[in-house]
Amino acid sequence: MDEVVSRELPPPAQGVTRTAYKGDLVIRVRNKESGAHYDADVSGTALVDAYASGAQFWRVLGPVLVGVGEGSLARGLYVVDGAYTIDIGPTGTKTVAGPAVRTDSICARIG
């Protein structure tokens, strides 16, 4: 039997709000113009630290829906899956990084 090792994160710094999220099982994303749609599995979990500057740091496991205007992914809407982090700067720039991350462009699916 494999041993499961868990590690607690230190409490957030003063002025930082930490929130845990659990996604919907499936969400329907629809192209208003064409009517095309895609049912996206976004059942991942995230632990999000929010800073007074507007920046956020997400620790994610599993699929979540991520809209990108500027960042490490091209502009668009994605299902990002795996074990990864999302660093959101005060201006909204998103950097997705991690040892196990997969992306699926929803825009390409329902274009």
Protein backbone atom coordinates (compact mmCIF):
# COMPACT_ATOMS: atom_id res chain seq x y z
CA MET A 1 0.00 0.00 0.00
CA ASP A 2 1.33 3.45 -0.92
CA GLU A 3 1.81 5.91 1.89
CA VAL A 4 0.11 9.27 1.46
CA VAL A 5 2.19 12.17 2.69
CA SER A 6 0.47 15.45 3.30
CA ARG A 7 1.98 18.74 4.31
CA GLU A 8 0.14 21.68 5.73
CA LEU A 9 0.86 25.08 4.30
CA PRO A 10 1.93 27.79 6.70
CA PRO A 11 -0.79 30.30 7.48
CA PRO A 12 -1.07 33.19 5.05
CA ALA A 13 0.88 36.38 5.74
CA GLN A 14 -0.92 39.26 7.39
CA GLY A 15 -3.15 41.01 4.85
CA VAL A 16 -3.45 37.89 2.67
CA THR A 17 -6.79 36.10 2.37
CA ARG A 18 -6.65 32.34 1.77
CA THR A 19 -9.70 30.60 0.29
CA ALA A 20 -10.28 26.99 -0.77
CA TYR A 21 -12.37 26.32 -3.89
CA LYS A 22 -13.95 23.20 -5.37
CA GLY A 23 -15.13 23.48 -8.97
CA ASP A 24 -18.43 22.43 -10.52
CA LEU A 25 -18.34 18.95 -11.95
CA VAL A 26 -19.18 20.09 -15.50
CA ILE A 27 -19.86 23.52 -16.95
CA ARG A 28 -21.28 24.21 -20.42
CA VAL A 29 -19.40 26.86 -22.41
CA ARG A 30 -21.31 28.18 -25.43
CA ASN A 31 -20.32 30.32 -28.42
CA LYS A 32 -23.16 32.89 -28.56
CA GLU A 33 -22.74 33.47 -32.30
CA SER A 34 -22.59 29.89 -33.60
CA GLY A 35 -24.40 28.06 -30.80
CA ALA A 36 -21.52 25.56 -30.57
CA HIS A 37 -20.86 24.38 -27.04
CA TYR A 38 -18.50 22.25 -25.00
CA ASP A 39 -19.21 20.59 -21.66
CA ALA A 40 -16.01 21.13 -19.68
CA ASP A 41 -14.99 19.08 -16.65
CA VAL A 42 -13.87 21.72 -14.16
CA SER A 43 -14.01 19.66 -10.99
CA GLY A 44 -10.58 20.66 -9.69
CA THR A 45 -9.70 22.15 -6.33
CA ALA A 46 -7.66 25.25 -5.60
CA LEU A 47 -6.19 26.99 -2.61
CA VAL A 48 -6.02 30.71 -3.45
CA ASP A 49 -4.06 33.42 -1.67
CA ALA A 50 -5.37 36.91 -2.50
CA TYR A 51 -3.20 39.96 -1.82
CA ALA A 52 -4.20 43.59 -1.22
CA SER A 53 -2.47 44.55 -4.49
CA GLY A 54 -5.00 42.48 -6.44
CA ALA A 55 -2.47 39.71 -7.10
CA GLN A 56 -3.43 36.07 -6.46
CA PHE A 57 -1.51 32.81 -6.14
CA TRP A 58 -3.41 29.57 -6.87
CA ARG A 59 -2.28 26.05 -5.92
CA VAL A 60 -4.41 23.75 -8.09
CA LEU A 61 -5.08 20.04 -8.41
CA GLY A 62 -7.31 18.92 -11.26
CA PRO A 63 -9.15 20.78 -13.99
CA VAL A 64 -10.29 24.40 -13.67
CA LEU A 65 -11.56 26.93 -16.20
CA VAL A 66 -9.08 29.75 -16.81
CA GLY A 67 -9.62 32.84 -18.93
CA VAL A 68 -6.37 34.44 -20.11
CA GLY A 69 -6.00 37.93 -21.49
CA GLU A 70 -2.26 38.17 -21.02
CA GLY A 71 0.22 35.67 -19.64
CA SER A 72 2.02 32.38 -20.22
CA LEU A 73 -0.84 31.06 -22.37
CA ALA A 74 -2.21 32.75 -25.48
CA ARG A 75 -5.34 34.88 -25.05
CA GLY A 76 -8.35 32.58 -24.67
CA LEU A 77 -10.37 30.30 -22.43
CA TYR A 78 -8.83 27.03 -21.24
CA VAL A 79 -9.45 23.98 -19.14
CA VAL A 80 -6.15 23.62 -17.31
CA ASP A 81 -5.60 20.24 -15.66
CA GLY A 82 -2.94 18.55 -13.54
CA ALA A 83 -0.94 19.69 -10.52
CA TYR A 84 0.14 23.29 -11.04
CA THR A 85 0.10 26.89 -9.88
CA ILE A 86 -1.42 30.02 -11.35
CA ASP A 87 0.26 33.30 -10.47
CA ILE A 88 -1.98 36.28 -11.24
CA GLY A 89 -0.25 39.66 -11.15
CA PRO A 90 -1.92 42.85 -9.95
CA THR A 91 -2.67 43.78 -13.58
CA GLY A 92 -4.27 40.39 -14.33
CA THR A 93 -1.34 38.72 -16.12
CA LYS A 94 -1.60 34.94 -15.55
CA THR A 95 1.35 32.56 -15.38
CA VAL A 96 0.49 28.85 -15.32
CA ALA A 97 3.36 26.58 -14.22
CA GLY A 98 3.92 23.15 -12.75
CA PRO A 99 5.40 19.71 -13.17
CA ALA A 100 2.16 18.21 -14.51
CA VAL A 101 -0.02 20.63 -16.44
CA ARG A 102 -2.22 20.11 -19.50
CA THR A 103 -4.24 22.75 -21.34
CA ASP A 104 -7.29 22.40 -23.58
CA SER A 105 -8.34 25.48 -25.55
CA ILE A 106 -12.11 25.92 -25.30
CA CYS A 107 -11.96 28.64 -27.98
CA ALA A 108 -10.48 26.11 -30.43
CA ARG A 109 -13.23 23.61 -29.56
CA ILE A 110 -16.20 25.95 -30.08
CA GLY A 111 -14.55 28.63 -32.30
